[in-house]
Protein backbone atom coordinates (compact mmCIF):
# COMPACT_ATOMS: atom_id res chain seq x y z
CA MET A 1 64.60 10.70 -30.63
CA SER A 2 67.83 9.66 -28.97
CA LEU A 3 68.33 5.98 -28.23
CA ASP A 4 71.68 6.52 -26.56
CA PHE A 5 72.40 4.21 -23.62
CA LYS A 6 75.51 6.00 -22.37
CA ASP A 7 75.96 5.42 -18.62
CA LYS A 8 73.06 2.95 -18.60
CA VAL A 9 73.61 -0.52 -17.14
CA VAL A 10 71.92 -3.36 -19.03
CA ILE A 11 71.57 -7.02 -18.05
CA VAL A 12 70.74 -9.45 -20.86
CA THR A 13 70.04 -13.04 -19.84
CA GLY A 14 70.82 -15.89 -22.22
CA ALA A 15 73.19 -13.57 -24.08
CA GLY A 16 75.86 -16.07 -25.08
CA GLY A 17 74.41 -16.47 -28.57
CA GLY A 18 71.44 -15.86 -30.82
CA LEU A 19 69.03 -13.09 -29.89
CA GLY A 20 70.62 -12.35 -26.55
CA LYS A 21 74.06 -11.87 -28.05
CA SER A 22 72.63 -9.55 -30.69
CA HIS A 23 70.86 -7.50 -28.02
CA ALA A 24 73.98 -7.27 -25.86
CA LEU A 25 76.19 -6.14 -28.74
CA ASP A 26 73.77 -3.41 -29.82
CA PHE A 27 73.33 -2.06 -26.29
CA ALA A 28 77.12 -1.94 -25.95
CA ARG A 29 77.47 -0.11 -29.28
CA ARG A 30 75.05 2.46 -27.92
CA GLY A 31 77.21 3.11 -24.87
CA ALA A 32 75.67 0.79 -22.28
CA LYS A 33 77.62 -1.16 -19.71
CA VAL A 34 76.41 -4.68 -20.37
CA VAL A 35 76.16 -7.72 -18.14
CA VAL A 36 76.23 -10.75 -20.42
CA ASN A 37 74.48 -13.58 -18.60
CA ASP A 38 74.54 -17.10 -19.99
CA LEU A 39 74.52 -20.48 -18.28
CA GLY A 40 76.00 -22.03 -21.40
CA GLY A 41 73.77 -25.08 -21.31
CA THR A 42 72.53 -27.15 -24.21
CA LEU A 43 69.22 -26.46 -25.92
CA ASP A 44 67.30 -28.65 -23.48
CA GLY A 45 68.92 -26.91 -20.51
CA SER A 46 71.49 -29.55 -19.53
CA GLY A 47 75.13 -28.80 -18.86
CA GLY A 48 76.60 -25.34 -18.44
CA SER A 49 79.68 -23.22 -19.12
CA SER A 50 80.39 -19.48 -19.06
CA ASP A 51 82.58 -19.67 -22.19
CA ALA A 52 79.83 -18.27 -24.44
CA ALA A 53 79.25 -15.28 -22.18
CA GLU A 54 82.99 -14.61 -21.93
CA ALA A 55 83.28 -14.68 -25.73
CA VAL A 56 80.55 -12.04 -26.11
CA VAL A 57 82.24 -9.87 -23.47
CA ALA A 58 85.52 -10.17 -25.35
CA GLU A 59 83.79 -9.06 -28.56
CA ILE A 60 82.26 -6.05 -26.81
CA LYS A 61 85.58 -5.03 -25.29
CA ALA A 62 87.38 -5.47 -28.60
CA ALA A 63 84.96 -2.94 -30.08
CA GLY A 64 85.70 -0.46 -27.28
CA GLY A 65 82.69 -1.26 -25.12
CA GLU A 66 82.34 -2.23 -21.47
CA ALA A 67 80.90 -5.54 -20.29
CA ILE A 68 81.20 -8.31 -17.74
CA ALA A 69 80.17 -11.96 -17.95
CA ASN A 70 77.91 -13.87 -15.59
CA GLY A 71 77.23 -17.60 -15.74
CA SER A 72 74.31 -17.88 -13.32
CA SER A 73 71.15 -19.82 -14.03
CA VAL A 74 68.07 -17.59 -14.08
CA THR A 75 66.16 -20.30 -12.21
CA ASP A 76 68.59 -20.47 -9.30
CA ASP A 77 67.88 -18.07 -6.44
CA ALA A 78 71.51 -17.87 -5.33
CA GLY A 79 72.68 -17.51 -8.93
CA VAL A 80 70.29 -14.65 -9.62
CA ALA A 81 71.36 -12.93 -6.39
CA ASN A 82 74.97 -13.35 -7.48
CA MET A 83 74.25 -11.79 -10.88
CA ILE A 84 72.60 -8.76 -9.33
CA GLN A 85 75.31 -8.33 -6.70
CA GLN A 86 78.03 -8.65 -9.35
CA THR A 87 76.31 -5.97 -11.42
CA MET A 88 75.87 -3.59 -8.49
CA ASP A 89 79.47 -4.11 -7.34
CA ALA A 90 80.76 -3.33 -10.83
CA TYR A 91 78.44 -0.51 -11.88
CA GLY A 92 76.31 0.63 -8.93
CA ARG A 93 72.96 0.60 -10.71
CA ILE A 94 70.73 -1.39 -13.07
CA ASP A 95 68.71 0.46 -15.70
CA VAL A 96 67.58 -2.29 -18.06
CA LEU A 97 66.82 -5.99 -17.71
CA VAL A 98 66.21 -8.04 -20.85
CA ASN A 99 64.80 -11.45 -19.95
CA ASN A 100 65.89 -13.56 -22.90
CA ALA A 101 67.12 -16.91 -21.52
CA GLY A 102 65.19 -19.93 -22.70
CA VAL A 103 65.08 -23.65 -23.48
CA LEU A 104 62.94 -26.04 -25.52
CA ARG A 105 61.62 -29.53 -24.81
CA ASP A 106 59.11 -29.99 -27.60
CA LYS A 107 56.71 -32.93 -27.66
CA SER A 108 53.03 -33.37 -28.34
CA PHE A 109 51.03 -32.98 -25.13
CA ALA A 110 50.07 -36.68 -25.15
CA LYS A 111 53.75 -37.67 -25.05
CA MET A 112 55.07 -34.88 -22.83
CA GLU A 113 56.32 -35.82 -19.36
CA PHE A 114 55.51 -33.64 -16.37
CA GLY A 115 59.21 -32.90 -16.01
CA ASP A 116 59.41 -31.49 -19.54
CA PHE A 117 56.50 -29.18 -18.79
CA SER A 118 57.68 -27.95 -15.40
CA PHE A 119 61.27 -27.44 -16.54
CA VAL A 120 60.34 -25.25 -19.51
CA VAL A 121 57.89 -23.22 -17.41
CA ASP A 122 60.56 -22.86 -14.72
CA VAL A 123 63.13 -21.44 -17.14
CA HIS A 124 60.84 -19.14 -19.10
CA LEU A 125 58.35 -17.97 -16.48
CA PHE A 126 60.20 -18.27 -13.18
CA GLY A 127 63.46 -17.46 -14.98
CA THR A 128 61.83 -14.17 -15.95
CA MET A 129 60.21 -13.53 -12.59
CA LYS A 130 63.32 -14.14 -10.46
CA PRO A 131 65.69 -11.64 -12.15
CA THR A 132 62.83 -9.15 -12.39
CA LYS A 133 62.07 -9.55 -8.68
CA ALA A 134 65.76 -8.99 -7.92
CA VAL A 135 66.08 -5.75 -9.92
CA TRP A 136 62.66 -4.36 -8.95
CA PRO A 137 63.68 -2.71 -5.63
CA ILE A 138 66.78 -1.25 -7.27
CA MET A 139 64.73 0.29 -10.05
CA LYS A 140 62.14 1.59 -7.56
CA GLU A 141 64.89 3.26 -5.53
CA GLN A 142 66.35 4.83 -8.69
CA GLY A 143 62.95 5.96 -9.93
CA TYR A 144 63.78 4.43 -13.30
CA GLY A 145 63.81 1.05 -14.96
CA ARG A 146 63.11 -0.70 -18.22
CA ILE A 147 62.29 -4.42 -18.42
CA VAL A 148 61.72 -6.58 -21.48
CA VAL A 149 60.22 -10.06 -21.27
CA THR A 150 60.44 -12.46 -24.19
CA SER A 151 57.16 -13.98 -25.29
CA SER A 152 56.47 -15.94 -28.49
CA SER A 153 53.86 -16.56 -31.15
CA SER A 154 53.60 -20.00 -29.54
CA GLY A 155 52.24 -18.33 -26.42
CA LEU A 156 50.10 -15.76 -28.21
CA TYR A 157 48.61 -18.12 -30.78
CA GLY A 158 49.81 -21.69 -30.17
CA ASN A 159 52.18 -24.09 -31.89
CA PHE A 160 51.97 -27.88 -32.15
CA GLY A 161 54.23 -29.67 -29.70
CA GLN A 162 54.85 -26.62 -27.51
CA SER A 163 52.18 -26.68 -24.80
CA ASN A 164 54.89 -26.19 -22.15
CA TYR A 165 56.65 -23.39 -24.02
CA GLY A 166 53.39 -21.73 -25.05
CA ALA A 167 52.04 -21.75 -21.49
CA ALA A 168 55.21 -20.11 -20.20
CA LYS A 169 55.38 -17.57 -23.01
CA LEU A 170 51.83 -16.37 -22.46
CA GLY A 171 52.55 -16.45 -18.74
CA VAL A 172 55.19 -13.73 -19.09
CA VAL A 173 52.59 -11.54 -20.82
CA GLY A 174 50.27 -11.92 -17.83
CA PHE A 175 53.24 -11.10 -15.60
CA MET A 176 53.92 -7.97 -17.64
CA ASN A 177 50.29 -6.89 -17.52
CA THR A 178 50.38 -6.52 -13.74
CA LEU A 179 53.88 -5.04 -13.49
CA LYS A 180 53.02 -2.34 -16.03
CA LEU A 181 50.51 -1.10 -13.44
CA GLU A 182 52.68 -1.54 -10.37
CA GLY A 183 55.70 0.10 -12.00
CA GLN A 184 54.01 3.27 -13.21
CA LYS A 185 54.60 5.41 -10.13
CA ASP A 186 58.32 4.58 -10.14
CA ASN A 187 58.91 5.10 -13.88
CA ILE A 188 59.46 1.40 -14.47
CA HIS A 189 58.27 0.36 -17.91
CA ILE A 190 57.89 -3.26 -18.97
CA ASN A 191 57.21 -4.63 -22.45
CA ALA A 192 57.15 -7.97 -24.24
CA LEU A 193 58.93 -9.15 -27.38
CA ALA A 194 57.54 -11.87 -29.65
CA PRO A 195 60.49 -12.58 -31.97
CA VAL A 196 60.83 -14.51 -35.21
CA ALA A 197 64.50 -15.34 -35.70
CA TRP A 198 66.82 -18.09 -36.87
CA THR A 199 68.62 -19.21 -33.74
CA ARG A 200 69.79 -22.40 -32.10
CA MET A 201 66.28 -22.77 -30.67
CA THR A 202 64.46 -22.43 -34.00
CA GLU A 203 66.80 -23.87 -36.63
CA ASN A 204 64.95 -27.19 -36.66
CA LEU A 205 61.57 -25.49 -37.00
CA MET A 206 62.26 -23.37 -40.09
CA PRO A 207 63.36 -23.91 -43.70
CA ALA A 208 67.10 -23.43 -44.17
CA GLU A 209 66.57 -20.79 -46.85
CA MET A 210 65.05 -18.44 -44.25
CA GLU A 211 68.25 -18.17 -42.23
CA ASP A 212 69.58 -15.15 -44.10
CA MET A 213 66.33 -13.22 -43.61
CA LEU A 214 65.57 -14.14 -40.02
CA THR A 215 68.72 -12.84 -38.38
CA PRO A 216 68.69 -11.89 -34.69
CA GLU A 217 70.02 -8.47 -35.68
CA ARG A 218 66.68 -7.72 -37.37
CA VAL A 219 64.85 -8.36 -34.10
CA THR A 220 67.12 -6.41 -31.76
CA PRO A 221 65.91 -2.91 -32.78
CA ALA A 222 62.55 -3.76 -31.20
CA VAL A 223 64.24 -4.64 -27.91
CA VAL A 224 66.43 -1.54 -27.89
CA PHE A 225 63.42 0.72 -28.41
CA MET A 226 61.33 -1.09 -25.79
CA ALA A 227 64.20 -0.71 -23.30
CA SER A 228 64.81 2.98 -24.01
CA GLU A 229 63.71 6.08 -22.12
CA ALA A 230 61.09 6.60 -24.84
CA ALA A 231 59.58 3.13 -24.41
CA PRO A 232 55.84 2.67 -23.87
CA THR A 233 54.73 0.22 -21.21
CA GLY A 234 52.66 -2.94 -21.31
CA LYS A 235 53.01 -3.48 -25.04
CA ILE A 236 53.79 -6.57 -27.11
CA ILE A 237 56.07 -5.95 -30.07
CA CYS A 238 56.53 -8.65 -32.70
CA ALA A 239 59.68 -8.57 -34.79
CA GLY A 240 61.25 -10.65 -37.54
CA ALA A 241 63.17 -10.20 -40.81
CA GLY A 242 62.99 -6.41 -40.42
CA ALA A 243 59.19 -6.35 -40.07
CA TYR A 244 57.53 -5.14 -36.88
CA THR A 245 53.96 -5.39 -35.59
CA SER A 246 52.22 -5.01 -32.26
CA ALA A 247 50.00 -7.70 -30.78
CA ALA A 248 47.23 -7.13 -28.25
CA ILE A 249 44.62 -9.07 -26.32
CA VAL A 250 41.31 -7.51 -27.31
CA GLU A 251 37.76 -7.82 -26.05
CA THR A 252 34.82 -7.70 -28.43
CA LYS A 253 31.88 -5.38 -27.91
CA GLY A 254 29.73 -8.43 -27.16
CA MET A 255 26.08 -8.17 -26.20
CA TYR A 256 23.78 -8.14 -23.19
CA LEU A 257 21.56 -11.21 -22.96
CA GLY A 258 19.25 -10.08 -20.16
CA GLU A 259 18.97 -10.75 -16.45
CA ASN A 260 18.45 -14.51 -16.70
CA PRO A 261 20.46 -15.73 -19.70
CA THR A 262 20.71 -19.40 -20.53
CA ALA A 263 23.41 -21.44 -22.23
CA GLU A 264 21.03 -21.62 -25.22
CA ASP A 265 21.05 -17.81 -25.39
CA VAL A 266 24.85 -17.79 -25.47
CA ALA A 267 24.89 -20.46 -28.18
CA ALA A 268 22.30 -18.65 -30.32
CA ASN A 269 24.23 -15.37 -30.15
CA TRP A 270 27.77 -16.68 -30.22
CA ASP A 271 28.61 -15.24 -33.65
CA THR A 272 27.72 -11.74 -32.44
CA ILE A 273 29.48 -12.17 -29.10
CA ALA A 274 32.67 -13.38 -30.81
CA THR A 275 32.81 -10.91 -33.70
CA VAL A 276 36.08 -8.96 -33.70
CA ASP A 277 35.37 -5.66 -35.42
CA ASP A 278 36.10 -1.97 -34.94
CA ASP A 279 34.35 -2.07 -31.57
CA ALA A 280 36.84 -4.59 -30.18
CA LYS A 281 39.17 -2.96 -27.66
CA ALA A 282 42.50 -3.68 -26.02
CA LEU A 283 42.03 -3.06 -22.30
CA PHE A 284 44.82 -1.74 -20.08
CA GLN A 285 43.76 -3.34 -16.80
CA GLY A 286 41.34 -5.98 -15.53
CA GLY A 287 38.84 -3.55 -14.04
CA GLU A 288 38.05 -2.20 -17.49
CA GLN A 289 36.44 -5.53 -18.37
CA THR A 290 33.83 -5.00 -15.66
CA GLY A 291 33.26 -1.51 -17.00
CA ARG A 292 32.61 -2.91 -20.47
CA MET A 293 29.99 -5.28 -19.06
CA PHE A 294 28.11 -2.45 -17.37
CA GLU A 295 28.27 -0.38 -20.55
CA LEU A 296 26.39 -3.18 -22.35
CA ILE A 297 23.78 -3.35 -19.60
CA GLN A 298 23.27 0.41 -19.59
CA ALA A 299 23.01 0.53 -23.38
CA ALA A 300 20.37 -2.20 -23.31
CA SER A 301 18.34 -0.38 -20.67
CA LYS A 302 18.21 2.73 -22.85
CA ALA A 303 17.16 0.85 -25.98
């Protein structure tokens, strides 16, 4: 399987450091023309400078690659439009979008201000939607596109103090789940990454001795594969320290409780309803859930 990106144009948001920088460098090594986007703000999203993006571009060019820098905010409509126009003016197409930009404003929910919640959701969810919306018609016209959204274990499973971040990170999975359907006819594949890496965003959350294991470079292979021609669509890949797994939202087999069930019936049978076993299934689209319900009803009628 070839994972060559020669003549492909790749945009990586939040690529001035950490995971984004690692992704950008690897795409460039594989022959891609890379747009290194980074607002250059602090961890909580304040401030901004394109110096970080320019430094990554310089590193790519020093290694013989091709790249340009962009300092737009992924939450700003005009900035996103500028990034896309700059890319099209320079390269004439967009093959891959890696939505990586992010911020943190961690607090327990009881202490979190509305502004902390809305800002984090704006950057992670709307900051994924806006660049994706901008590249979507280009990819449809080309008949080709690969998009990666960045989720998190905080969104998939929860993490204390990150209700804002977790909500946004599961939000991008819901976003992906619809676009995987809408993009099929135009050969646009979209997948999600749930990374575990030592970066500026996580250094205060992890023991210092884990830094050498949890390098961004050990996550990037997952992104490169999920952005390649061979990529599946609608999948969640988890990556960290060189280990890779796939996560999925599954539905249990459940049970049919009759035509007039009561809350007491649900309570009495909860253990069976909630059992995740070999009959649990990851569904590809919402309509399949209805199908599963009717399967239970039909099975009960034949019993």
